[in-house]
Amino acid sequence: MSLDSTARGLLAEYGERACLLLRAIYEESREAGGAKLGDFSVKGVKARLKSWGIEYNPVPLLMKLERELGVIETSYRSTTQRWWRVKNMEFIEKALRMCGVRVTRSPEDPRVRLLRIQFMVLNPKGAAENLRRLLSKRALTRADLEFIRRVVFEELPLMVKLKEEAERLGYDVELREELEAVEELMDLVERLVTSEKEEHSLESAYSDLEGDKTLGGYYSL
């Protein structure tokens, strides 16, 4: 189910209550200052709803957002407090726009911008497209093998480091597309390297080139 249809389904089922709760979550998560154990708390959401003249228990709908939709996740829980972290801000922003709420992004963290630029330079989507093309070929050329080796030993390790850095800093949402592209690239490389089909076997391809002295052992993995 697409993000649009999931958001529409939630709004169709819960109506204004969903709009108000998502707006409260959005505004609480954007509010800086003070010691925070997550992006928002039950107490903070209730207080914000009350300031709008709304009093109801938001916990059941919060549970749906967490357990069924995976939009939020519990970051801290005690006998007196419960905090959540937003996992999918894109969903919240899209649903709020459907509610007619104007959503404006705050200036992006320069670290996010730098990581996004670095991903763009390494271009995991472009590499993945080339690997999909290789998977459809009956035989691999010398240039194909050079490309695979470069991806595996030079480009992919850098992409993985960027992915780990993004996850460590908590930028899973902001860089979701980039992180998914790296995962897809690793899957494609693994499929290509471990393929049992003779025409896709790298071991077979390298063996065919063993007799070529101009290679000088360069292709030995």
C-alpha atoms as a PDB file:
ATOM      1  CA  MET A   1       0.000   0.000   0.000  1.00  0.00           C
ATOM      2  CA  SER A   2       1.379   3.416  -0.969  1.00  0.00           C
ATOM      3  CA  LEU A   3       2.044   6.241   1.452  1.00  0.00           C
ATOM      4  CA  ASP A   4      -0.830   8.251  -0.044  1.00  0.00           C
ATOM      5  CA  SER A   5      -3.397   5.469   0.299  1.00  0.00           C
ATOM      6  CA  THR A   6      -2.274   4.630   3.853  1.00  0.00           C
ATOM      7  CA  ALA A   7      -2.596   8.265   4.901  1.00  0.00           C
ATOM      8  CA  ARG A   8      -6.023   8.544   3.243  1.00  0.00           C
ATOM      9  CA  GLY A   9      -7.151   5.364   5.012  1.00  0.00           C
ATOM     10  CA  LEU A  10      -6.112   6.726   8.390  1.00  0.00           C
ATOM     11  CA  LEU A  11      -7.900  10.031   7.798  1.00  0.00           C
ATOM     12  CA  ALA A  12     -11.011   8.290   6.496  1.00  0.00           C
ATOM     13  CA  GLU A  13     -11.173   6.151   9.654  1.00  0.00           C
ATOM     14  CA  TYR A  14     -10.302   8.773  12.287  1.00  0.00           C
ATOM     15  CA  GLY A  15     -11.092  12.073  10.580  1.00  0.00           C
ATOM     16  CA  GLU A  16     -10.358  15.252  12.521  1.00  0.00           C
ATOM     17  CA  ARG A  17      -8.942  13.341  15.495  1.00  0.00           C
ATOM     18  CA  ALA A  18      -6.119  12.025  13.293  1.00  0.00           C
ATOM     19  CA  CYS A  19      -5.449  15.477  11.858  1.00  0.00           C
ATOM     20  CA  LEU A  20      -5.249  17.041  15.315  1.00  0.00           C
ATOM     21  CA  LEU A  21      -3.025  14.318  16.738  1.00  0.00           C
ATOM     22  CA  LEU A  22      -0.646  14.359  13.769  1.00  0.00           C
ATOM     23  CA  ARG A  23      -0.438  18.142  13.990  1.00  0.00           C
ATOM     24  CA  ALA A  24       0.343  17.895  17.713  1.00  0.00           C
ATOM     25  CA  ILE A  25       3.052  15.288  17.039  1.00  0.00           C
ATOM     26  CA  TYR A  26       4.506  17.406  14.259  1.00  0.00           C
ATOM     27  CA  GLU A  27       4.661  20.569  16.351  1.00  0.00           C
ATOM     28  CA  GLU A  28       5.968  18.789  19.467  1.00  0.00           C
ATOM     29  CA  SER A  29       8.733  17.058  17.507  1.00  0.00           C
ATOM     30  CA  ARG A  30       9.876  20.363  15.985  1.00  0.00           C
ATOM     31  CA  GLU A  31      10.017  22.173  19.313  1.00  0.00           C
ATOM     32  CA  ALA A  32      13.565  22.476  20.594  1.00  0.00           C
ATOM     33  CA  GLY A  33      14.817  23.056  24.127  1.00  0.00           C
ATOM     34  CA  GLY A  34      14.858  21.152  27.387  1.00  0.00           C
ATOM     35  CA  ALA A  35      15.823  17.574  28.112  1.00  0.00           C
ATOM     36  CA  LYS A  36      14.001  15.304  25.678  1.00  0.00           C
ATOM     37  CA  LEU A  37      13.822  11.516  25.734  1.00  0.00           C
ATOM     38  CA  GLY A  38      12.391  11.368  22.234  1.00  0.00           C
ATOM     39  CA  ASP A  39      10.604  13.545  19.691  1.00  0.00           C
ATOM     40  CA  PHE A  40       7.403  13.888  21.731  1.00  0.00           C
ATOM     41  CA  SER A  41       5.665  12.589  24.839  1.00  0.00           C
ATOM     42  CA  VAL A  42       2.086  11.705  25.781  1.00  0.00           C
ATOM     43  CA  LYS A  43       2.119  14.588  28.257  1.00  0.00           C
ATOM     44  CA  GLY A  44       3.290  17.063  25.622  1.00  0.00           C
ATOM     45  CA  VAL A  45       0.731  15.911  23.046  1.00  0.00           C
ATOM     46  CA  LYS A  46      -2.110  16.091  25.571  1.00  0.00           C
ATOM     47  CA  ALA A  47      -1.050  19.580  26.649  1.00  0.00           C
ATOM     48  CA  ARG A  48      -0.907  20.793  23.056  1.00  0.00           C
ATOM     49  CA  LEU A  49      -4.337  19.328  22.273  1.00  0.00           C
ATOM     50  CA  LYS A  50      -5.728  20.950  25.425  1.00  0.00           C
ATOM     51  CA  SER A  51      -4.353  24.327  24.324  1.00  0.00           C
ATOM     52  CA  TRP A  52      -6.549  23.961  21.233  1.00  0.00           C
ATOM     53  CA  GLY A  53      -9.585  23.177  23.381  1.00  0.00           C
ATOM     54  CA  ILE A  54      -9.408  19.428  22.682  1.00  0.00           C
ATOM     55  CA  GLU A  55      -9.425  16.868  25.486  1.00  0.00           C
ATOM     56  CA  TYR A  56      -9.322  13.173  24.632  1.00  0.00           C
ATOM     57  CA  ASN A  57      -7.028  10.227  25.236  1.00  0.00           C
ATOM     58  CA  PRO A  58      -4.651  10.033  22.235  1.00  0.00           C
ATOM     59  CA  VAL A  59      -2.953   6.796  23.334  1.00  0.00           C
ATOM     60  CA  PRO A  60      -5.108   4.337  21.277  1.00  0.00           C
ATOM     61  CA  LEU A  61      -4.397   6.267  18.075  1.00  0.00           C
ATOM     62  CA  LEU A  62      -0.716   6.561  19.023  1.00  0.00           C
ATOM     63  CA  MET A  63      -0.653   2.774  19.392  1.00  0.00           C
ATOM     64  CA  LYS A  64      -2.085   2.407  15.895  1.00  0.00           C
ATOM     65  CA  LEU A  65       0.547   4.768  14.493  1.00  0.00           C
ATOM     66  CA  GLU A  66       3.240   2.690  16.188  1.00  0.00           C
ATOM     67  CA  ARG A  67       2.115  -0.926  15.936  1.00  0.00           C
ATOM     68  CA  GLU A  68       0.142  -0.986  12.692  1.00  0.00           C
ATOM     69  CA  LEU A  69       1.604   1.807  10.593  1.00  0.00           C
ATOM     70  CA  GLY A  70       5.173   2.047  11.911  1.00  0.00           C
ATOM     71  CA  VAL A  71       5.092   5.847  11.789  1.00  0.00           C
ATOM     72  CA  ILE A  72       6.429   6.251  15.338  1.00  0.00           C
ATOM     73  CA  GLU A  73       8.253   4.074  17.871  1.00  0.00           C
ATOM     74  CA  THR A  74       8.618   4.163  21.650  1.00  0.00           C
ATOM     75  CA  SER A  75      11.937   5.732  22.666  1.00  0.00           C
ATOM     76  CA  TYR A  76      11.402   5.788  26.451  1.00  0.00           C
ATOM     77  CA  ARG A  77       8.856   4.382  28.865  1.00  0.00           C
ATOM     78  CA  SER A  78       8.509   4.477  32.642  1.00  0.00           C
ATOM     79  CA  THR A  79       5.666   4.392  35.149  1.00  0.00           C
ATOM     80  CA  THR A  80       5.189   8.145  34.734  1.00  0.00           C
ATOM     81  CA  GLN A  81       6.429   8.984  31.208  1.00  0.00           C
ATOM     82  CA  ARG A  82       6.240   7.725  27.672  1.00  0.00           C
ATOM     83  CA  TRP A  83       8.133   9.189  24.737  1.00  0.00           C
ATOM     84  CA  TRP A  84       8.102   8.373  21.035  1.00  0.00           C
ATOM     85  CA  ARG A  85      10.458   8.956  18.140  1.00  0.00           C
ATOM     86  CA  VAL A  86       9.092   9.787  14.682  1.00  0.00           C
ATOM     87  CA  LYS A  87      10.175   7.135  12.177  1.00  0.00           C
ATOM     88  CA  ASN A  88       8.313   8.404   9.143  1.00  0.00           C
ATOM     89  CA  MET A  89       7.980  12.192   9.110  1.00  0.00           C
ATOM     90  CA  GLU A  90       7.145  12.035   5.404  1.00  0.00           C
ATOM     91  CA  PHE A  91       3.913  10.189   6.274  1.00  0.00           C
ATOM     92  CA  ILE A  92       2.973  12.783   8.904  1.00  0.00           C
ATOM     93  CA  GLU A  93       3.685  15.703   6.570  1.00  0.00           C
ATOM     94  CA  LYS A  94       1.730  14.106   3.712  1.00  0.00           C
ATOM     95  CA  ALA A  95      -1.278  13.373   5.954  1.00  0.00           C
ATOM     96  CA  LEU A  96      -1.209  16.917   7.339  1.00  0.00           C
ATOM     97  CA  ARG A  97      -1.282  18.364   3.834  1.00  0.00           C
ATOM     98  CA  MET A  98      -4.345  16.191   3.175  1.00  0.00           C
ATOM     99  CA  CYS A  99      -5.847  17.728   6.324  1.00  0.00           C
ATOM    100  CA  GLY A 100      -5.217  21.184   4.887  1.00  0.00           C
ATOM    101  CA  VAL A 101      -2.433  21.982   7.355  1.00  0.00           C
ATOM    102  CA  ARG A 102       0.452  23.979   5.942  1.00  0.00           C
ATOM    103  CA  VAL A 103       3.743  22.135   6.500  1.00  0.00           C
ATOM    104  CA  THR A 104       7.001  24.027   6.319  1.00  0.00           C
ATOM    105  CA  ARG A 105      10.374  22.381   6.742  1.00  0.00           C
ATOM    106  CA  SER A 106      12.942  23.929   9.031  1.00  0.00           C
ATOM    107  CA  PRO A 107      16.389  24.670   7.562  1.00  0.00           C
ATOM    108  CA  GLU A 108      18.079  21.344   6.982  1.00  0.00           C
ATOM    109  CA  ASP A 109      20.975  20.233   9.146  1.00  0.00           C
ATOM    110  CA  PRO A 110      24.203  20.898   7.204  1.00  0.00           C
ATOM    111  CA  ARG A 111      25.350  17.370   8.060  1.00  0.00           C
ATOM    112  CA  VAL A 112      22.320  15.969   6.234  1.00  0.00           C
ATOM    113  CA  ARG A 113      23.104  18.138   3.220  1.00  0.00           C
ATOM    114  CA  LEU A 114      26.724  16.984   3.199  1.00  0.00           C
ATOM    115  CA  LEU A 115      25.788  13.305   3.436  1.00  0.00           C
ATOM    116  CA  ARG A 116      23.223  13.719   0.646  1.00  0.00           C
ATOM    117  CA  ILE A 117      25.830  15.377  -1.588  1.00  0.00           C
ATOM    118  CA  GLN A 118      28.308  12.572  -0.864  1.00  0.00           C
ATOM    119  CA  PHE A 119      25.676   9.966  -1.767  1.00  0.00           C
ATOM    120  CA  MET A 120      24.962  11.868  -4.992  1.00  0.00           C
ATOM    121  CA  VAL A 121      28.654  11.809  -5.921  1.00  0.00           C
ATOM    122  CA  LEU A 122      28.915   8.053  -5.301  1.00  0.00           C
ATOM    123  CA  ASN A 123      25.585   7.552  -7.145  1.00  0.00           C
ATOM    124  CA  PRO A 124      24.343   4.199  -5.751  1.00  0.00           C
ATOM    125  CA  LYS A 125      21.222   4.373  -7.943  1.00  0.00           C
ATOM    126  CA  GLY A 126      23.317   4.614 -11.105  1.00  0.00           C
ATOM    127  CA  ALA A 127      25.532   1.722 -10.025  1.00  0.00           C
ATOM    128  CA  ALA A 128      22.454  -0.361  -9.230  1.00  0.00           C
ATOM    129  CA  GLU A 129      21.018   0.313 -12.682  1.00  0.00           C
ATOM    130  CA  ASN A 130      24.251  -0.910 -14.296  1.00  0.00           C
ATOM    131  CA  LEU A 131      24.266  -4.056 -12.148  1.00  0.00           C
ATOM    132  CA  ARG A 132      20.679  -4.854 -13.151  1.00  0.00           C
ATOM    133  CA  ARG A 133      21.831  -4.622 -16.745  1.00  0.00           C
ATOM    134  CA  LEU A 134      24.686  -7.055 -16.064  1.00  0.00           C
ATOM    135  CA  LEU A 135      22.307  -9.538 -14.469  1.00  0.00           C
ATOM    136  CA  SER A 136      20.385  -9.709 -17.733  1.00  0.00           C
ATOM    137  CA  LYS A 137      23.492 -10.440 -19.848  1.00  0.00           C
ATOM    138  CA  ARG A 138      24.467 -13.929 -20.945  1.00  0.00           C
ATOM    139  CA  ALA A 139      28.192 -13.233 -20.605  1.00  0.00           C
ATOM    140  CA  LEU A 140      30.315 -10.649 -18.819  1.00  0.00           C
ATOM    141  CA  THR A 141      32.941  -8.629 -20.663  1.00  0.00           C
ATOM    142  CA  ARG A 142      36.298  -7.435 -19.390  1.00  0.00           C
ATOM    143  CA  ALA A 143      34.806  -3.968 -18.855  1.00  0.00           C
ATOM    144  CA  ASP A 144      31.927  -5.508 -16.861  1.00  0.00           C
ATOM    145  CA  LEU A 145      34.399  -7.226 -14.546  1.00  0.00           C
ATOM    146  CA  GLU A 146      36.354  -4.008 -14.060  1.00  0.00           C
ATOM    147  CA  PHE A 147      33.133  -2.216 -13.153  1.00  0.00           C
ATOM    148  CA  ILE A 148      32.094  -4.906 -10.635  1.00  0.00           C
ATOM    149  CA  ARG A 149      35.505  -4.874  -9.000  1.00  0.00           C
ATOM    150  CA  ARG A 150      35.463  -1.077  -8.710  1.00  0.00           C
ATOM    151  CA  VAL A 151      32.003  -1.087  -7.137  1.00  0.00           C
ATOM    152  CA  VAL A 152      32.824  -3.857  -4.654  1.00  0.00           C
ATOM    153  CA  PHE A 153      36.257  -2.679  -3.541  1.00  0.00           C
ATOM    154  CA  GLU A 154      36.169   1.093  -4.017  1.00  0.00           C
ATOM    155  CA  GLU A 155      32.662   2.558  -4.106  1.00  0.00           C
ATOM    156  CA  LEU A 156      30.512   0.246  -1.968  1.00  0.00           C
ATOM    157  CA  PRO A 157      32.760   0.464   1.137  1.00  0.00           C
ATOM    158  CA  LEU A 158      32.439   4.267   1.019  1.00  0.00           C
ATOM    159  CA  MET A 159      28.669   4.042   0.620  1.00  0.00           C
ATOM    160  CA  VAL A 160      28.410   1.690   3.604  1.00  0.00           C
ATOM    161  CA  LYS A 161      30.429   4.117   5.741  1.00  0.00           C
ATOM    162  CA  LEU A 162      28.072   6.945   4.765  1.00  0.00           C
ATOM    163  CA  LYS A 163      25.071   4.742   5.518  1.00  0.00           C
ATOM    164  CA  GLU A 164      26.416   3.856   8.960  1.00  0.00           C
ATOM    165  CA  GLU A 165      27.128   7.532   9.675  1.00  0.00           C
ATOM    166  CA  ALA A 166      23.615   8.566   8.613  1.00  0.00           C
ATOM    167  CA  GLU A 167      22.046   5.889  10.830  1.00  0.00           C
ATOM    168  CA  ARG A 168      24.311   6.783  13.771  1.00  0.00           C
ATOM    169  CA  LEU A 169      23.209  10.417  13.545  1.00  0.00           C
ATOM    170  CA  GLY A 170      19.547   9.413  13.282  1.00  0.00           C
ATOM    171  CA  TYR A 171      18.984  10.619   9.703  1.00  0.00           C
ATOM    172  CA  ASP A 172      17.052   7.506   8.614  1.00  0.00           C
ATOM    173  CA  VAL A 173      14.032   9.573   7.523  1.00  0.00           C
ATOM    174  CA  GLU A 174      15.861  12.468   5.869  1.00  0.00           C
ATOM    175  CA  LEU A 175      18.108  10.124   3.859  1.00  0.00           C
ATOM    176  CA  ARG A 176      15.678   7.241   3.421  1.00  0.00           C
ATOM    177  CA  GLU A 177      15.983   7.109  -0.374  1.00  0.00           C
ATOM    178  CA  GLU A 178      19.782   7.154  -0.257  1.00  0.00           C
ATOM    179  CA  LEU A 179      19.964   4.422   2.391  1.00  0.00           C
ATOM    180  CA  GLU A 180      17.512   2.236   0.476  1.00  0.00           C
ATOM    181  CA  ALA A 181      19.598   2.717  -2.687  1.00  0.00           C
ATOM    182  CA  VAL A 182      22.709   1.405  -0.908  1.00  0.00           C
ATOM    183  CA  GLU A 183      20.775  -1.622   0.381  1.00  0.00           C
ATOM    184  CA  GLU A 184      19.493  -2.319  -3.134  1.00  0.00           C
ATOM    185  CA  LEU A 185      23.009  -2.020  -4.532  1.00  0.00           C
ATOM    186  CA  MET A 186      24.363  -4.542  -2.021  1.00  0.00           C
ATOM    187  CA  ASP A 187      21.547  -6.944  -2.864  1.00  0.00           C
ATOM    188  CA  LEU A 188      22.313  -6.675  -6.581  1.00  0.00           C
ATOM    189  CA  VAL A 189      26.057  -7.185  -6.079  1.00  0.00           C
ATOM    190  CA  GLU A 190      25.388 -10.234  -3.940  1.00  0.00           C
ATOM    191  CA  ARG A 191      22.995 -11.677  -6.529  1.00  0.00           C
ATOM    192  CA  LEU A 192      25.538 -11.137  -9.277  1.00  0.00           C
ATOM    193  CA  VAL A 193      28.483 -12.589  -7.350  1.00  0.00           C
ATOM    194  CA  THR A 194      26.658 -15.618  -5.944  1.00  0.00           C
ATOM    195  CA  SER A 195      24.501 -16.415  -8.963  1.00  0.00           C
ATOM    196  CA  GLU A 196      24.386 -20.135  -9.701  1.00  0.00           C
ATOM    197  CA  LYS A 197      23.655 -19.508 -13.355  1.00  0.00           C
ATOM    198  CA  GLU A 198      26.713 -20.234 -15.482  1.00  0.00           C
ATOM    199  CA  GLU A 199      26.287 -17.083 -17.551  1.00  0.00           C
ATOM    200  CA  HIS A 200      26.280 -14.928 -14.402  1.00  0.00           C
ATOM    201  CA  SER A 201      29.069 -16.707 -12.535  1.00  0.00           C
ATOM    202  CA  LEU A 202      32.005 -14.413 -11.839  1.00  0.00           C
ATOM    203  CA  GLU A 203      34.208 -17.404 -11.154  1.00  0.00           C
ATOM    204  CA  SER A 204      33.462 -18.684 -14.640  1.00  0.00           C
ATOM    205  CA  ALA A 205      34.029 -15.262 -16.171  1.00  0.00           C
ATOM    206  CA  TYR A 206      37.407 -14.834 -14.513  1.00  0.00           C
ATOM    207  CA  SER A 207      38.414 -18.372 -15.457  1.00  0.00           C
ATOM    208  CA  ASP A 208      37.728 -17.588 -19.109  1.00  0.00           C
ATOM    209  CA  LEU A 209      40.243 -14.764 -18.901  1.00  0.00           C
ATOM    210  CA  GLU A 210      43.029 -16.682 -17.165  1.00  0.00           C
ATOM    211  CA  GLY A 211      44.844 -17.285 -20.382  1.00  0.00           C
ATOM    212  CA  ASP A 212      45.002 -13.594 -21.260  1.00  0.00           C
ATOM    213  CA  LYS A 213      48.483 -12.473 -20.127  1.00  0.00           C
ATOM    214  CA  THR A 214      47.556  -8.804 -20.564  1.00  0.00           C
ATOM    215  CA  LEU A 215      45.395  -9.080 -17.445  1.00  0.00           C
ATOM    216  CA  GLY A 216      48.417  -9.668 -15.261  1.00  0.00           C
ATOM    217  CA  GLY A 217      46.343 -11.239 -12.531  1.00  0.00           C
ATOM    218  CA  TYR A 218      44.349  -8.020 -12.053  1.00  0.00           C
ATOM    219  CA  TYR A 219      41.041  -9.834 -11.948  1.00  0.00           C
ATOM    220  CA  SER A 220      41.979 -12.286  -9.253  1.00  0.00           C
ATOM    221  CA  LEU A 221      39.496 -11.913  -6.417  1.00  0.00           C
END
